[in-house]
Structure formats: C-alpha cells, structure tokens
C-alpha atoms as a PDB file:
ATOM      1  CA  MET A   1      91.397 112.721 119.964  1.00  0.00           C
ATOM      2  CA  LYS A   2      92.018 109.580 117.990  1.00  0.00           C
ATOM      3  CA  PRO A   3      95.512 108.102 118.783  1.00  0.00           C
ATOM      4  CA  LEU A   4      98.040 108.092 115.852  1.00  0.00           C
ATOM      5  CA  PRO A   5      98.345 104.636 114.029  1.00  0.00           C
ATOM      6  CA  CYS A   6     101.659 102.664 114.773  1.00  0.00           C
ATOM      7  CA  ILE A   7     102.367 101.009 111.442  1.00  0.00           C
ATOM      8  CA  ALA A   8     105.428  98.682 110.931  1.00  0.00           C
ATOM      9  CA  LEU A   9     106.851  98.609 107.335  1.00  0.00           C
ATOM     10  CA  ILE A  10     109.027  95.398 106.790  1.00  0.00           C
ATOM     11  CA  VAL A  11     111.563  95.694 104.103  1.00  0.00           C
ATOM     12  CA  ALA A  12     111.706  92.306 102.192  1.00  0.00           C
ATOM     13  CA  GLY A  13     113.011  93.483  98.900  1.00  0.00           C
ATOM     14  CA  GLY A  14     116.659  92.216  99.082  1.00  0.00           C
ATOM     15  CA  SER A  15     118.289  89.521  96.970  1.00  0.00           C
ATOM     16  CA  GLY A  16     120.369  87.866  99.774  1.00  0.00           C
ATOM     17  CA  ARG A  17     122.926  86.651  97.240  1.00  0.00           C
ATOM     18  CA  ARG A  18     125.514  86.034 100.255  1.00  0.00           C
ATOM     19  CA  VAL A  19     123.234  83.456 101.801  1.00  0.00           C
ATOM     20  CA  GLY A  20     122.927  81.471  98.541  1.00  0.00           C
ATOM     21  CA  GLY A  21     120.058  79.260  97.837  1.00  0.00           C
ATOM     22  CA  ASN A  22     117.124  79.412  95.163  1.00  0.00           C
ATOM     23  CA  LEU A  23     115.125  82.063  97.274  1.00  0.00           C
ATOM     24  CA  PRO A  24     116.150  85.489  98.614  1.00  0.00           C
ATOM     25  CA  LYS A  25     117.234  85.025 102.323  1.00  0.00           C
ATOM     26  CA  GLN A  26     113.821  86.492 103.784  1.00  0.00           C
ATOM     27  CA  TYR A  27     111.981  83.579 102.226  1.00  0.00           C
ATOM     28  CA  GLN A  28     114.358  80.759 103.266  1.00  0.00           C
ATOM     29  CA  LYS A  29     113.368  78.641 106.328  1.00  0.00           C
ATOM     30  CA  ILE A  30     114.950  78.586 109.898  1.00  0.00           C
ATOM     31  CA  SER A  31     113.287  75.417 111.623  1.00  0.00           C
ATOM     32  CA  GLU A  32     110.581  75.062 108.883  1.00  0.00           C
ATOM     33  CA  LYS A  33     109.486  78.731 109.112  1.00  0.00           C
ATOM     34  CA  PRO A  34     110.492  81.360 106.625  1.00  0.00           C
ATOM     35  CA  ILE A  35     112.563  84.219 108.040  1.00  0.00           C
ATOM     36  CA  LEU A  36     110.106  86.734 106.954  1.00  0.00           C
ATOM     37  CA  ALA A  37     107.321  84.898 109.068  1.00  0.00           C
ATOM     38  CA  TYR A  38     109.407  85.210 112.159  1.00  0.00           C
ATOM     39  CA  SER A  39     109.538  88.983 111.576  1.00  0.00           C
ATOM     40  CA  MET A  40     105.896  89.520 110.860  1.00  0.00           C
ATOM     41  CA  GLN A  41     105.003  87.540 113.912  1.00  0.00           C
ATOM     42  CA  ALA A  42     107.148  89.742 116.124  1.00  0.00           C
ATOM     43  CA  PHE A  43     105.257  92.772 114.905  1.00  0.00           C
ATOM     44  CA  GLU A  44     101.813  90.856 115.083  1.00  0.00           C
ATOM     45  CA  SER A  45     102.444  90.007 118.848  1.00  0.00           C
ATOM     46  CA  CYS A  46     103.138  93.623 119.873  1.00  0.00           C
ATOM     47  CA  PRO A  47      99.996  95.093 120.991  1.00  0.00           C
ATOM     48  CA  ALA A  48     101.194  98.572 120.262  1.00  0.00           C
ATOM     49  CA  ILE A  49     101.500  97.635 116.622  1.00  0.00           C
ATOM     50  CA  ASP A  50      98.293  98.528 114.515  1.00  0.00           C
ATOM     51  CA  GLU A  51      99.262  97.638 110.762  1.00  0.00           C
ATOM     52  CA  ILE A  52     101.893  95.601 109.191  1.00  0.00           C
ATOM     53  CA  HIS A  53     102.923  96.608 105.536  1.00  0.00           C
ATOM     54  CA  LEU A  54     105.719  94.979 103.538  1.00  0.00           C
ATOM     55  CA  VAL A  55     107.800  96.099 100.607  1.00  0.00           C
ATOM     56  CA  ALA A  56     108.791  93.165  98.235  1.00  0.00           C
ATOM     57  CA  HIS A  57     109.183  92.089  94.621  1.00  0.00           C
ATOM     58  CA  GLU A  58     106.289  91.090  92.684  1.00  0.00           C
ATOM     59  CA  ASP A  59     107.471  87.740  92.179  1.00  0.00           C
ATOM     60  CA  TYR A  60     107.003  86.782  95.606  1.00  0.00           C
ATOM     61  CA  ARG A  61     103.668  88.400  96.335  1.00  0.00           C
ATOM     62  CA  GLU A  62     101.628  84.915  96.295  1.00  0.00           C
ATOM     63  CA  LEU A  63     104.294  83.419  98.656  1.00  0.00           C
ATOM     64  CA  ILE A  64     103.744  86.354 101.025  1.00  0.00           C
ATOM     65  CA  ILE A  65     100.162  86.178 100.958  1.00  0.00           C
ATOM     66  CA  ASN A  66     100.111  82.434 101.633  1.00  0.00           C
ATOM     67  CA  MET A  67     102.793  83.197 104.439  1.00  0.00           C
ATOM     68  CA  VAL A  68     100.355  85.676 106.128  1.00  0.00           C
ATOM     69  CA  LYS A  69      97.556  83.250 105.986  1.00  0.00           C
ATOM     70  CA  LYS A  70      99.437  80.291 107.278  1.00  0.00           C
ATOM     71  CA  TYR A  71     100.842  82.271 110.122  1.00  0.00           C
ATOM     72  CA  LYS A  72      97.775  84.236 110.864  1.00  0.00           C
ATOM     73  CA  ILE A  73      99.304  87.782 110.463  1.00  0.00           C
ATOM     74  CA  ASN A  74      95.955  89.597 111.197  1.00  0.00           C
ATOM     75  CA  LYS A  75      97.570  93.089 111.225  1.00  0.00           C
ATOM     76  CA  PHE A  76      98.738  92.790 107.605  1.00  0.00           C
ATOM     77  CA  CYS A  77      97.492  95.297 105.213  1.00  0.00           C
ATOM     78  CA  LYS A  78      99.326  95.515 101.928  1.00  0.00           C
ATOM     79  CA  ILE A  79     102.530  94.939 100.054  1.00  0.00           C
ATOM     80  CA  TYR A  80     104.333  97.833  97.974  1.00  0.00           C
ATOM     81  CA  PRO A  81     106.721  96.957  95.187  1.00  0.00           C
ATOM     82  CA  ALA A  82     110.340  97.209  96.000  1.00  0.00           C
ATOM     83  CA  GLY A  83     112.865  99.325  94.384  1.00  0.00           C
ATOM     84  CA  ASN A  84     116.463  98.667  93.246  1.00  0.00           C
ATOM     85  CA  THR A  85     117.857  99.566  96.580  1.00  0.00           C
ATOM     86  CA  ARG A  86     116.734  99.258 100.138  1.00  0.00           C
ATOM     87  CA  GLN A  87     116.589 103.067 100.282  1.00  0.00           C
ATOM     88  CA  GLU A  88     114.193 103.111  97.183  1.00  0.00           C
ATOM     89  CA  SER A  89     112.079 100.258  98.783  1.00  0.00           C
ATOM     90  CA  VAL A  90     111.640 102.079 101.855  1.00  0.00           C
ATOM     91  CA  SER A  91     110.688 105.318  99.991  1.00  0.00           C
ATOM     92  CA  ALA A  92     108.316 103.367  97.949  1.00  0.00           C
ATOM     93  CA  GLY A  93     106.675 102.024 101.068  1.00  0.00           C
ATOM     94  CA  ILE A  94     106.486 105.249 103.163  1.00  0.00           C
ATOM     95  CA  GLN A  95     104.885 107.246 100.603  1.00  0.00           C
ATOM     96  CA  ASN A  96     101.605 105.183 100.829  1.00  0.00           C
ATOM     97  CA  LEU A  97     101.412 105.639 104.596  1.00  0.00           C
ATOM     98  CA  PRO A  98      99.898 108.621 106.398  1.00  0.00           C
ATOM     99  CA  ASP A  99     102.129 111.731 107.422  1.00  0.00           C
ATOM    100  CA  GLU A 100     100.297 111.576 110.977  1.00  0.00           C
ATOM    101  CA  SER A 101     101.489 108.100 112.127  1.00  0.00           C
ATOM    102  CA  PHE A 102     104.429 106.414 113.805  1.00  0.00           C
ATOM    103  CA  ILE A 103     106.256 104.372 111.298  1.00  0.00           C
ATOM    104  CA  LEU A 104     108.488 101.444 112.313  1.00  0.00           C
ATOM    105  CA  ILE A 105     110.901 100.315 109.490  1.00  0.00           C
ATOM    106  CA  HIS A 106     112.240  96.787 109.909  1.00  0.00           C
ATOM    107  CA  ASP A 107     114.562  94.618 108.181  1.00  0.00           C
ATOM    108  CA  ALA A 108     112.766  91.331 107.257  1.00  0.00           C
ATOM    109  CA  ALA A 109     116.203  89.470 107.697  1.00  0.00           C
ATOM    110  CA  ARG A 110     116.148  90.375 111.541  1.00  0.00           C
ATOM    111  CA  PRO A 111     113.802  87.579 112.476  1.00  0.00           C
ATOM    112  CA  PHE A 112     114.327  87.617 116.148  1.00  0.00           C
ATOM    113  CA  ILE A 113     113.260  91.094 117.079  1.00  0.00           C
ATOM    114  CA  LYS A 114     111.356  91.130 120.374  1.00  0.00           C
ATOM    115  CA  ALA A 115     107.911  92.610 120.796  1.00  0.00           C
ATOM    116  CA  ILE A 116     109.301  94.332 124.046  1.00  0.00           C
ATOM    117  CA  ASP A 117     111.865  96.169 122.077  1.00  0.00           C
ATOM    118  CA  ILE A 118     109.509  97.078 119.236  1.00  0.00           C
ATOM    119  CA  GLU A 119     107.314  98.662 122.082  1.00  0.00           C
ATOM    120  CA  CYS A 120     110.212 100.676 123.490  1.00  0.00           C
ATOM    121  CA  VAL A 121     110.707 102.248 120.099  1.00  0.00           C
ATOM    122  CA  ILE A 122     107.070 103.120 119.843  1.00  0.00           C
ATOM    123  CA  ASN A 123     107.035 104.815 123.151  1.00  0.00           C
ATOM    124  CA  GLU A 124     110.096 106.685 122.335  1.00  0.00           C
ATOM    125  CA  VAL A 125     108.891 107.741 118.946  1.00  0.00           C
ATOM    126  CA  LYS A 126     105.715 109.065 120.592  1.00  0.00           C
ATOM    127  CA  ILE A 127     107.739 111.296 122.695  1.00  0.00           C
ATOM    128  CA  HIS A 128     110.574 112.393 120.626  1.00  0.00           C
ATOM    129  CA  LYS A 129     109.425 111.647 117.086  1.00  0.00           C
ATOM    130  CA  THR A 130     112.416 109.633 116.245  1.00  0.00           C
ATOM    131  CA  ALA A 131     114.097 106.373 117.930  1.00  0.00           C
ATOM    132  CA  ILE A 132     116.251 103.590 116.722  1.00  0.00           C
ATOM    133  CA  LEU A 133     117.290 100.430 118.222  1.00  0.00           C
ATOM    134  CA  ALA A 134     121.089 100.015 118.507  1.00  0.00           C
ATOM    135  CA  ASN A 135     123.743  97.970 120.513  1.00  0.00           C
ATOM    136  CA  TYR A 136     126.980  99.109 122.338  1.00  0.00           C
ATOM    137  CA  VAL A 137     130.096  98.515 119.980  1.00  0.00           C
ATOM    138  CA  SER A 138     132.382  95.908 121.723  1.00  0.00           C
ATOM    139  CA  ASP A 139     135.280  96.119 119.288  1.00  0.00           C
ATOM    140  CA  THR A 140     137.673  98.790 118.772  1.00  0.00           C
ATOM    141  CA  ILE A 141     136.872 100.509 115.623  1.00  0.00           C
ATOM    142  CA  LYS A 142     139.422 101.881 113.253  1.00  0.00           C
ATOM    143  CA  VAL A 143     138.896 104.263 110.513  1.00  0.00           C
ATOM    144  CA  ALA A 144     141.405 103.884 107.641  1.00  0.00           C
ATOM    145  CA  ASP A 145     142.163 105.441 104.153  1.00  0.00           C
ATOM    146  CA  ASP A 146     141.752 103.618 100.678  1.00  0.00           C
ATOM    147  CA  ASN A 147     145.099 101.884 101.317  1.00  0.00           C
ATOM    148  CA  CYS A 148     144.043 100.526 104.635  1.00  0.00           C
ATOM    149  CA  ASN A 149     146.126 102.932 106.664  1.00  0.00           C
ATOM    150  CA  ILE A 150     144.583 103.853 110.012  1.00  0.00           C
ATOM    151  CA  ILE A 151     143.676 107.398 110.368  1.00  0.00           C
ATOM    152  CA  GLN A 152     141.644 107.443 113.246  1.00  0.00           C
ATOM    153  CA  THR A 153     140.469 105.251 116.514  1.00  0.00           C
ATOM    154  CA  PRO A 154     137.179 106.824 117.709  1.00  0.00           C
ATOM    155  CA  ASN A 155     136.169 106.564 121.213  1.00  0.00           C
ATOM    156  CA  ARG A 156     134.470 103.270 121.659  1.00  0.00           C
ATOM    157  CA  LYS A 157     132.044 104.520 124.562  1.00  0.00           C
ATOM    158  CA  ASN A 158     130.363 106.878 121.889  1.00  0.00           C
ATOM    159  CA  LEU A 159     129.982 104.151 119.162  1.00  0.00           C
ATOM    160  CA  TYR A 160     126.759 102.104 118.700  1.00  0.00           C
ATOM    161  CA  ALA A 161     125.748  99.615 115.971  1.00  0.00           C
ATOM    162  CA  ALA A 162     122.455 100.641 114.501  1.00  0.00           C
ATOM    163  CA  GLN A 163     119.786  98.106 114.212  1.00  0.00           C
ATOM    164  CA  THR A 164     116.221  98.046 113.333  1.00  0.00           C
ATOM    165  CA  PRO A 165     113.338  98.772 113.687  1.00  0.00           C
ATOM    166  CA  GLN A 166     113.867 102.360 113.415  1.00  0.00           C
ATOM    167  CA  GLY A 167     110.811 104.600 114.194  1.00  0.00           C
ATOM    168  CA  PHE A 168     109.774 107.915 112.885  1.00  0.00           C
ATOM    169  CA  TYR A 169     106.906 110.291 112.982  1.00  0.00           C
ATOM    170  CA  GLY A 170     105.502 109.774 109.446  1.00  0.00           C
ATOM    171  CA  GLU A 171     105.822 113.269 108.089  1.00  0.00           C
ATOM    172  CA  ILE A 172     109.545 113.434 109.205  1.00  0.00           C
ATOM    173  CA  ILE A 173     110.721 110.172 107.585  1.00  0.00           C
ATOM    174  CA  LYS A 174     108.762 110.991 104.383  1.00  0.00           C
ATOM    175  CA  LYS A 175     110.263 114.363 104.057  1.00  0.00           C
ATOM    176  CA  ALA A 176     114.024 112.843 104.898  1.00  0.00           C
ATOM    177  CA  HIS A 177     113.517 110.371 101.923  1.00  0.00           C
ATOM    178  CA  GLU A 178     112.331 113.106  99.646  1.00  0.00           C
ATOM    179  CA  LYS A 179     115.069 115.446 100.527  1.00  0.00           C
ATOM    180  CA  ALA A 180     117.517 112.664  99.919  1.00  0.00           C
ATOM    181  CA  LYS A 181     115.995 111.907  96.534  1.00  0.00           C
ATOM    182  CA  ILE A 182     116.261 115.470  95.275  1.00  0.00           C
ATOM    183  CA  ASN A 183     119.908 115.836  96.580  1.00  0.00           C
ATOM    184  CA  GLY A 184     121.059 112.410  95.229  1.00  0.00           C
ATOM    185  CA  ILE A 185     122.058 111.444  99.027  1.00  0.00           C
ATOM    186  CA  PHE A 186     122.331 107.717  99.621  1.00  0.00           C
ATOM    187  CA  ALA A 187     122.519 105.995 103.285  1.00  0.00           C
ATOM    188  CA  SER A 188     122.793 102.500 104.558  1.00  0.00           C
ATOM    189  CA  ASP A 189     119.980 103.247 106.977  1.00  0.00           C
ATOM    190  CA  ASP A 190     117.045 105.519 107.216  1.00  0.00           C
ATOM    191  CA  ALA A 191     118.041 107.393 110.653  1.00  0.00           C
ATOM    192  CA  ALA A 192     121.096 108.645 108.499  1.00  0.00           C
ATOM    193  CA  LEU A 193     118.645 110.616 106.371  1.00  0.00           C
ATOM    194  CA  VAL A 194     116.928 112.049 109.366  1.00  0.00           C
ATOM    195  CA  GLU A 195     119.932 112.982 111.276  1.00  0.00           C
ATOM    196  CA  CYS A 196     120.870 116.062 109.420  1.00  0.00           C
ATOM    197  CA  ASP A 197     117.840 117.855 110.323  1.00  0.00           C
ATOM    198  CA  PHE A 198     116.419 116.261 113.391  1.00  0.00           C
ATOM    199  CA  PRO A 199     117.721 114.434 116.563  1.00  0.00           C
ATOM    200  CA  VAL A 200     117.390 110.838 116.535  1.00  0.00           C
ATOM    201  CA  LYS A 201     117.186 108.682 119.933  1.00  0.00           C
ATOM    202  CA  ILE A 202     119.128 105.714 120.464  1.00  0.00           C
ATOM    203  CA  ILE A 203     117.371 102.838 122.439  1.00  0.00           C
ATOM    204  CA  ILE A 204     119.589  99.876 123.760  1.00  0.00           C
ATOM    205  CA  GLU A 205     117.604  96.813 123.131  1.00  0.00           C
ATOM    206  CA  SER A 206     116.723  94.105 125.725  1.00  0.00           C
ATOM    207  CA  LYS A 207     118.828  91.129 123.984  1.00  0.00           C
ATOM    208  CA  PRO A 208     120.871  92.766 121.198  1.00  0.00           C
ATOM    209  CA  GLU A 209     122.703  89.569 120.599  1.00  0.00           C
ATOM    210  CA  LEU A 210     119.303  87.932 119.067  1.00  0.00           C
ATOM    211  CA  ASN A 211     118.439  90.830 116.634  1.00  0.00           C
ATOM    212  CA  PHE A 212     121.311  90.335 114.181  1.00  0.00           C
ATOM    213  CA  LYS A 213     120.653  90.613 110.497  1.00  0.00           C
ATOM    214  CA  ILE A 214     120.923  87.287 108.428  1.00  0.00           C
ATOM    215  CA  THR A 215     123.502  87.928 105.836  1.00  0.00           C
ATOM    216  CA  THR A 216     125.730  84.920 105.339  1.00  0.00           C
ATOM    217  CA  GLN A 217     125.103  81.135 105.254  1.00  0.00           C
ATOM    218  CA  PHE A 218     126.954  81.012 108.785  1.00  0.00           C
ATOM    219  CA  ASP A 219     124.220  83.429 109.904  1.00  0.00           C
ATOM    220  CA  LEU A 220     121.522  81.160 108.767  1.00  0.00           C
ATOM    221  CA  LEU A 221     123.135  78.060 110.330  1.00  0.00           C
ATOM    222  CA  PHE A 222     123.425  80.174 113.655  1.00  0.00           C
ATOM    223  CA  ALA A 223     119.792  81.122 113.541  1.00  0.00           C
ATOM    224  CA  GLU A 224     118.769  77.469 113.129  1.00  0.00           C
ATOM    225  CA  PHE A 225     120.819  76.673 116.061  1.00  0.00           C
ATOM    226  CA  LEU A 226     119.207  79.439 118.147  1.00  0.00           C
ATOM    227  CA  THR A 227     115.653  78.036 117.515  1.00  0.00           C
ATOM    228  CA  THR A 228     116.787  74.721 118.997  1.00  0.00           C
ATOM    229  CA  GLN A 229     118.440  76.226 122.138  1.00  0.00           C
ATOM    230  CA  ILE A 230     116.398  79.160 123.361  1.00  0.00           C
ATOM    231  CA  GLU A 231     112.718  78.497 122.373  1.00  0.00           C
ATOM    232  CA  ASP A 232     111.553  81.080 125.016  1.00  0.00           C
ATOM    233  CA  ASP A 233     113.392  83.963 123.122  1.00  0.00           C
ATOM    234  CA  VAL A 234     112.416  82.939 119.616  1.00  0.00           C
ATOM    235  CA  PRO A 235     108.999  83.592 118.336  1.00  0.00           C
END
C-alpha cells in the first residue's frame, strides 16, 4: 500500500502591519534572506515532507516563484490565493489537498522551525491523526473581564503556548474548516477548530525559543541577531 503524502501548507497571506516596511513581513529579509525562504527551506530539508504548498496573495506570486528558484525549493508545488483572514486562507489551501494525506499547516512568519520538530509532528499525526507543536507557559496567566478585573488564575502546569506546524489527517482538518464556515466559527489556530470533535496531541518542541512568530519590528531585529549568533540552529 502506498504511503499517504505528507504535505506542508505554509500560510503567507498576512499583511504584517505591525512590523512595518514596504512588504508584508514574510517577504522582508533576515540576513539578506526573506523570512518565507527560511520557512520553506526548513520543510524542504525535512525528509518526511513530500510536497510544499503556499497560500499567498496574487500580488506576490512572481516574488515567491523567484524565491523558490533561488533557494532551490524542489518540493514546492503550488500557490493558492489567500483569503481575508488566516482561517479563510488555510481553508482555501486545504480544500485543494487530498483527504487521504497528512497536512502540516505552518505560519510563514515562523522562520526558524527545525526539521526535527516537523518530523516529530508528522510521526505523531501518523499515529493519532492530529498533533501540534507547543511550548510550556512560563508566565502566570490571568483571565480578566472587559474591565481588566482578574476573574481566574489557571494552573500554569496545564497551560501551553500553541505554535506551528499543526498537523492533521487531511479529511479531519478539511471537515473541521467546513463545519466552522457553516456555523460561523472563528478561531486563532486550526487546532481550535478540530478540538471540539477530535482529540489533539501536543508535542513539546526541541528548541521552542527559536520557533517564535515574527510580529513586531523588535521580533525582526531579534531574528537578525539570532542569525549572527547561532548559525548551527538557523537554516
């Protein structure tokens, strides 16, 4: 029996306004290389990944194609038009992918994801059909009302900061997005759409401090610093 394909869907449709600059953050450069190129290279270097697909706005198609050629992303397959929100963009991408596949959804703005962590997610998805990368929460978290009055302090040992990639058996994540669209459900990550109907496994990544999402100008500066300090840990 032929193994099911492992497909990376990199979401690169955001505007990245908080970072600033003339381009969305995923196309801005860290040490002369675009952020998106780092993310694509990480999945390219993972032997378990068979295909790389992207969701992005049409205005940047040529830029992406040139990037794919320059950085030799041989597993690249296709670009799908992004939606108005991340959830719409992911939905637009996964509907083109096979039900019988393992789909890893990753934020383009997390450039320092490690191939070993990608592989760990894939291995877990093959067993449990769902898995996400996450990290332990080190701060004490407070839940407050609209007036910033604390109403709850959750037990920190049960709290995790969700990251990407998030992996799912194709049919499961596609049905979750379809259900969310029908019922008008919006979530900040894909696992939240699946959790209602299916258990999702957490994988603690090997170097969670590196897999941060570039959101602000400070993040961009910090990423630049990292590439000059820890070359062995950066693609």
